[in-house]
Amino acid sequence: MSAGGESAAEVHVINATPPIGGDTIMLEIRVSHGRDRAEAEPASASASGPLLLRVEEAARMLAISRATLYPMLGRQIPVVRIGRAERVPRAELERYLTRAVDAP
């Protein structure tokens, strides 16, 4: 909780456009704080895209490499395993970003 009694920030990934042949990612993020939270859209309503992301997609959304993301999976960012495949829930990426924004 921040000074002044406000609650934690809430981060929503609105749109992430992966690069096609380039290395620029368009990422639209909405951050709402305390008093704005009632007006913010819930994560499920704001997410335009798949609920589960491949590791490569999640890494692109965070603007980090797969090698950087892999050690975080299952520890800092929960994953869903479907057979041998690991998928990252979009909502968990949003929670991770919220925690990162609020970190001291």
N, C-alpha and C. Protein backbone atom coordinates (compact mmCIF):
# COMPACT_ATOMS: atom_id res chain seq x y z
N MET A 1 0.85 -1.18 0.00
CA MET A 1 0.00 0.00 0.00
C MET A 1 0.89 1.23 0.00
N SER A 2 0.55 2.21 -0.79
CA SER A 2 1.35 3.42 -0.90
C SER A 2 0.92 4.44 0.14
N ALA A 3 1.71 5.51 0.25
CA ALA A 3 1.39 6.57 1.19
C ALA A 3 0.06 7.20 0.83
N GLY A 4 -0.65 7.67 1.81
CA GLY A 4 -1.93 8.31 1.57
C GLY A 4 -3.08 7.33 1.54
N GLY A 5 -2.84 6.05 1.85
CA GLY A 5 -3.90 5.08 1.95
C GLY A 5 -4.40 4.52 0.64
N GLU A 6 -3.73 4.84 -0.48
CA GLU A 6 -4.18 4.29 -1.76
C GLU A 6 -3.77 2.84 -1.86
N SER A 7 -4.56 2.05 -2.57
CA SER A 7 -4.22 0.66 -2.75
C SER A 7 -3.28 0.50 -3.93
N ALA A 8 -2.85 -0.71 -4.17
CA ALA A 8 -1.87 -1.01 -5.21
C ALA A 8 -2.39 -0.66 -6.60
N ALA A 9 -1.44 -0.41 -7.49
CA ALA A 9 -1.80 -0.12 -8.88
C ALA A 9 -2.29 -1.39 -9.55
N GLU A 10 -3.09 -1.24 -10.57
CA GLU A 10 -3.60 -2.37 -11.33
C GLU A 10 -3.17 -2.17 -12.77
N VAL A 11 -2.52 -3.17 -13.36
CA VAL A 11 -1.99 -3.06 -14.71
C VAL A 11 -2.76 -3.99 -15.62
N HIS A 12 -3.17 -3.48 -16.79
CA HIS A 12 -3.86 -4.28 -17.78
C HIS A 12 -3.11 -4.18 -19.09
N VAL A 13 -2.76 -5.33 -19.67
CA VAL A 13 -2.19 -5.32 -21.00
C VAL A 13 -3.36 -5.24 -21.97
N ILE A 14 -3.45 -4.14 -22.68
CA ILE A 14 -4.59 -3.90 -23.56
C ILE A 14 -4.34 -4.53 -24.92
N ASN A 15 -3.15 -4.35 -25.45
CA ASN A 15 -2.85 -4.87 -26.78
C ASN A 15 -1.35 -5.05 -26.89
N ALA A 16 -0.91 -6.14 -27.46
CA ALA A 16 0.51 -6.37 -27.70
C ALA A 16 0.63 -6.89 -29.12
N THR A 17 1.33 -6.15 -29.93
CA THR A 17 1.52 -6.53 -31.32
C THR A 17 2.94 -7.05 -31.48
N PRO A 18 3.10 -8.35 -31.71
CA PRO A 18 4.45 -8.90 -31.85
C PRO A 18 5.09 -8.43 -33.15
N PRO A 19 6.41 -8.33 -33.17
CA PRO A 19 7.09 -7.89 -34.38
C PRO A 19 7.02 -8.94 -35.47
N ILE A 20 7.00 -8.49 -36.69
CA ILE A 20 7.04 -9.39 -37.84
C ILE A 20 8.28 -8.99 -38.62
N GLY A 21 9.35 -9.74 -38.41
CA GLY A 21 10.59 -9.45 -39.10
C GLY A 21 11.38 -8.31 -38.50
N GLY A 22 10.84 -7.60 -37.55
CA GLY A 22 11.55 -6.50 -36.90
C GLY A 22 11.73 -6.77 -35.43
N ASP A 23 12.21 -5.80 -34.71
CA ASP A 23 12.38 -6.01 -33.28
C ASP A 23 11.72 -4.90 -32.46
N THR A 24 10.72 -4.25 -33.03
CA THR A 24 9.95 -3.25 -32.31
C THR A 24 8.60 -3.84 -31.94
N ILE A 25 8.24 -3.72 -30.67
CA ILE A 25 6.97 -4.25 -30.18
C ILE A 25 6.08 -3.09 -29.78
N MET A 26 4.86 -3.12 -30.24
CA MET A 26 3.87 -2.13 -29.82
C MET A 26 3.13 -2.72 -28.62
N LEU A 27 3.23 -2.09 -27.47
CA LEU A 27 2.61 -2.60 -26.26
C LEU A 27 1.80 -1.48 -25.64
N GLU A 28 0.51 -1.73 -25.47
CA GLU A 28 -0.38 -0.75 -24.86
C GLU A 28 -0.75 -1.26 -23.48
N ILE A 29 -0.44 -0.49 -22.45
CA ILE A 29 -0.70 -0.89 -21.07
C ILE A 29 -1.50 0.22 -20.39
N ARG A 30 -2.52 -0.18 -19.65
CA ARG A 30 -3.32 0.77 -18.86
C ARG A 30 -3.03 0.51 -17.39
N VAL A 31 -2.62 1.54 -16.67
CA VAL A 31 -2.35 1.43 -15.24
C VAL A 31 -3.38 2.26 -14.52
N SER A 32 -4.07 1.65 -13.56
CA SER A 32 -5.04 2.40 -12.77
C SER A 32 -4.62 2.33 -11.31
N HIS A 33 -4.79 3.42 -10.61
CA HIS A 33 -4.42 3.51 -9.21
C HIS A 33 -5.68 3.74 -8.38
N GLY A 34 -5.68 3.18 -7.17
CA GLY A 34 -6.72 3.35 -6.17
C GLY A 34 -8.05 3.87 -6.66
N ARG A 35 -8.20 5.17 -6.70
CA ARG A 35 -9.50 5.78 -7.00
C ARG A 35 -9.97 5.51 -8.42
N ASP A 36 -9.04 5.24 -9.36
CA ASP A 36 -9.42 4.95 -10.74
C ASP A 36 -9.87 3.51 -10.94
N ARG A 37 -9.59 2.66 -9.98
CA ARG A 37 -9.82 1.23 -10.14
C ARG A 37 -11.29 0.91 -10.42
N ALA A 38 -12.21 1.63 -9.81
CA ALA A 38 -13.63 1.36 -10.03
C ALA A 38 -14.02 1.63 -11.48
N GLU A 39 -13.30 2.55 -12.13
CA GLU A 39 -13.62 2.90 -13.51
C GLU A 39 -12.89 2.01 -14.51
N ALA A 40 -11.85 1.31 -14.06
CA ALA A 40 -11.04 0.50 -14.98
C ALA A 40 -11.80 -0.75 -15.40
N GLU A 41 -11.50 -1.21 -16.61
CA GLU A 41 -12.11 -2.44 -17.10
C GLU A 41 -11.46 -3.62 -16.41
N PRO A 42 -12.20 -4.69 -16.14
CA PRO A 42 -11.57 -5.89 -15.59
C PRO A 42 -10.62 -6.48 -16.62
N ALA A 43 -9.62 -7.23 -16.14
CA ALA A 43 -8.59 -7.78 -17.03
C ALA A 43 -9.19 -8.64 -18.14
N SER A 44 -10.20 -9.44 -17.82
CA SER A 44 -10.78 -10.32 -18.83
C SER A 44 -11.47 -9.53 -19.94
N ALA A 45 -12.03 -8.38 -19.60
CA ALA A 45 -12.71 -7.59 -20.61
C ALA A 45 -11.72 -6.79 -21.45
N SER A 46 -10.57 -6.45 -20.87
CA SER A 46 -9.61 -5.63 -21.60
C SER A 46 -8.65 -6.45 -22.44
N ALA A 47 -8.53 -7.72 -22.16
CA ALA A 47 -7.57 -8.56 -22.89
C ALA A 47 -8.13 -8.89 -24.26
N SER A 48 -7.45 -8.42 -25.30
CA SER A 48 -7.88 -8.76 -26.65
C SER A 48 -6.84 -9.71 -27.22
N GLY A 49 -7.13 -10.97 -27.13
CA GLY A 49 -6.18 -11.97 -27.59
C GLY A 49 -6.36 -13.24 -26.80
N PRO A 50 -5.46 -14.17 -27.01
CA PRO A 50 -5.58 -15.47 -26.34
C PRO A 50 -5.38 -15.36 -24.83
N LEU A 51 -6.03 -16.24 -24.09
CA LEU A 51 -5.87 -16.28 -22.64
C LEU A 51 -4.52 -16.85 -22.25
N LEU A 52 -4.01 -17.79 -23.05
CA LEU A 52 -2.71 -18.41 -22.79
C LEU A 52 -1.74 -18.01 -23.89
N LEU A 53 -0.52 -17.68 -23.48
CA LEU A 53 0.50 -17.25 -24.41
C LEU A 53 1.65 -18.24 -24.44
N ARG A 54 2.26 -18.43 -25.61
CA ARG A 54 3.49 -19.20 -25.69
C ARG A 54 4.58 -18.41 -24.97
N VAL A 55 5.60 -19.09 -24.52
CA VAL A 55 6.68 -18.43 -23.80
C VAL A 55 7.29 -17.31 -24.64
N GLU A 56 7.45 -17.55 -25.93
CA GLU A 56 8.02 -16.54 -26.82
C GLU A 56 7.14 -15.29 -26.86
N GLU A 57 5.83 -15.48 -26.90
CA GLU A 57 4.89 -14.35 -26.93
C GLU A 57 4.96 -13.56 -25.62
N ALA A 58 4.99 -14.29 -24.50
CA ALA A 58 5.07 -13.63 -23.19
C ALA A 58 6.36 -12.83 -23.06
N ALA A 59 7.46 -13.40 -23.53
CA ALA A 59 8.75 -12.70 -23.47
C ALA A 59 8.70 -11.43 -24.31
N ARG A 60 8.11 -11.51 -25.50
CA ARG A 60 7.98 -10.32 -26.35
C ARG A 60 7.15 -9.25 -25.67
N MET A 61 6.06 -9.66 -25.00
CA MET A 61 5.19 -8.69 -24.33
C MET A 61 5.93 -7.97 -23.20
N LEU A 62 6.86 -8.68 -22.54
CA LEU A 62 7.63 -8.07 -21.45
C LEU A 62 8.90 -7.40 -21.97
N ALA A 63 9.16 -7.54 -23.26
CA ALA A 63 10.36 -6.97 -23.89
C ALA A 63 11.64 -7.53 -23.27
N ILE A 64 11.61 -8.85 -23.03
CA ILE A 64 12.79 -9.56 -22.53
C ILE A 64 13.00 -10.80 -23.39
N SER A 65 14.16 -11.43 -23.23
CA SER A 65 14.44 -12.64 -24.01
C SER A 65 13.77 -13.85 -23.37
N ARG A 66 13.66 -14.92 -24.15
CA ARG A 66 13.12 -16.17 -23.61
C ARG A 66 14.04 -16.68 -22.50
N ALA A 67 15.34 -16.53 -22.69
CA ALA A 67 16.31 -17.00 -21.69
C ALA A 67 16.13 -16.27 -20.36
N THR A 68 15.74 -15.02 -20.40
CA THR A 68 15.48 -14.27 -19.17
C THR A 68 14.16 -14.70 -18.54
N LEU A 69 13.17 -15.01 -19.37
CA LEU A 69 11.85 -15.37 -18.86
C LEU A 69 11.80 -16.77 -18.26
N TYR A 70 12.50 -17.75 -18.87
CA TYR A 70 12.38 -19.13 -18.42
C TYR A 70 12.64 -19.32 -16.92
N PRO A 71 13.68 -18.73 -16.32
CA PRO A 71 13.87 -18.92 -14.87
C PRO A 71 12.75 -18.33 -14.02
N MET A 72 12.01 -17.37 -14.56
CA MET A 72 10.92 -16.73 -13.82
C MET A 72 9.65 -17.59 -13.82
N LEU A 73 9.53 -18.46 -14.82
CA LEU A 73 8.31 -19.26 -14.97
C LEU A 73 8.20 -20.28 -13.84
N GLY A 74 7.03 -20.33 -13.25
CA GLY A 74 6.77 -21.24 -12.16
C GLY A 74 7.19 -20.68 -10.81
N ARG A 75 8.02 -19.65 -10.80
CA ARG A 75 8.46 -19.02 -9.56
C ARG A 75 7.77 -17.67 -9.39
N GLN A 76 8.07 -16.74 -10.29
CA GLN A 76 7.47 -15.40 -10.22
C GLN A 76 6.21 -15.31 -11.07
N ILE A 77 6.17 -16.09 -12.13
CA ILE A 77 5.03 -16.06 -13.05
C ILE A 77 4.50 -17.48 -13.19
N PRO A 78 3.29 -17.77 -12.70
CA PRO A 78 2.72 -19.11 -12.83
C PRO A 78 2.50 -19.50 -14.29
N VAL A 79 2.60 -20.79 -14.57
CA VAL A 79 2.38 -21.30 -15.92
C VAL A 79 1.32 -22.38 -15.91
N VAL A 80 0.79 -22.66 -17.08
CA VAL A 80 -0.16 -23.75 -17.28
C VAL A 80 0.55 -24.76 -18.17
N ARG A 81 0.56 -26.01 -17.77
CA ARG A 81 1.17 -27.05 -18.59
C ARG A 81 0.07 -27.84 -19.28
N ILE A 82 0.19 -27.93 -20.59
CA ILE A 82 -0.74 -28.72 -21.40
C ILE A 82 0.13 -29.74 -22.12
N GLY A 83 0.09 -30.96 -21.63
CA GLY A 83 1.02 -31.96 -22.15
C GLY A 83 2.43 -31.53 -21.79
N ARG A 84 3.30 -31.42 -22.79
CA ARG A 84 4.67 -30.96 -22.54
C ARG A 84 4.82 -29.46 -22.75
N ALA A 85 3.78 -28.82 -23.24
CA ALA A 85 3.85 -27.39 -23.54
C ALA A 85 3.58 -26.55 -22.30
N GLU A 86 4.34 -25.48 -22.14
CA GLU A 86 4.10 -24.50 -21.09
C GLU A 86 3.47 -23.27 -21.71
N ARG A 87 2.40 -22.81 -21.09
CA ARG A 87 1.73 -21.59 -21.54
C ARG A 87 1.65 -20.62 -20.37
N VAL A 88 1.73 -19.35 -20.69
CA VAL A 88 1.69 -18.30 -19.68
C VAL A 88 0.32 -17.62 -19.76
N PRO A 89 -0.48 -17.68 -18.69
CA PRO A 89 -1.77 -16.99 -18.71
C PRO A 89 -1.57 -15.48 -18.79
N ARG A 90 -2.29 -14.84 -19.68
CA ARG A 90 -2.21 -13.38 -19.84
C ARG A 90 -2.49 -12.68 -18.50
N ALA A 91 -3.45 -13.18 -17.73
CA ALA A 91 -3.79 -12.56 -16.44
C ALA A 91 -2.60 -12.61 -15.48
N GLU A 92 -1.80 -13.69 -15.54
CA GLU A 92 -0.64 -13.79 -14.66
C GLU A 92 0.43 -12.79 -15.05
N LEU A 93 0.58 -12.52 -16.34
CA LEU A 93 1.52 -11.48 -16.77
C LEU A 93 1.08 -10.12 -16.24
N GLU A 94 -0.22 -9.87 -16.28
CA GLU A 94 -0.75 -8.61 -15.75
C GLU A 94 -0.50 -8.51 -14.25
N ARG A 95 -0.71 -9.61 -13.52
CA ARG A 95 -0.43 -9.60 -12.07
C ARG A 95 1.05 -9.35 -11.79
N TYR A 96 1.92 -9.99 -12.59
CA TYR A 96 3.35 -9.80 -12.42
C TYR A 96 3.72 -8.32 -12.62
N LEU A 97 3.16 -7.71 -13.67
CA LEU A 97 3.45 -6.29 -13.92
C LEU A 97 2.92 -5.41 -12.80
N THR A 98 1.76 -5.74 -12.26
CA THR A 98 1.20 -4.97 -11.15
C THR A 98 2.13 -5.03 -9.96
N ARG A 99 2.61 -6.24 -9.64
CA ARG A 99 3.55 -6.38 -8.51
C ARG A 99 4.84 -5.62 -8.79
N ALA A 100 5.34 -5.65 -10.03
CA ALA A 100 6.58 -4.98 -10.39
C ALA A 100 6.43 -3.46 -10.28
N VAL A 101 5.26 -2.94 -10.67
CA VAL A 101 5.01 -1.48 -10.58
C VAL A 101 4.95 -1.06 -9.12
N ASP A 102 4.38 -1.88 -8.27
CA ASP A 102 4.22 -1.55 -6.85
C ASP A 102 5.45 -1.83 -6.02
N ALA A 103 6.45 -2.53 -6.56
CA ALA A 103 7.63 -2.90 -5.79
C ALA A 103 8.41 -1.65 -5.38
N PRO A 104 8.97 -1.67 -4.17
CA PRO A 104 9.72 -0.49 -3.69
C PRO A 104 10.97 -0.25 -4.49
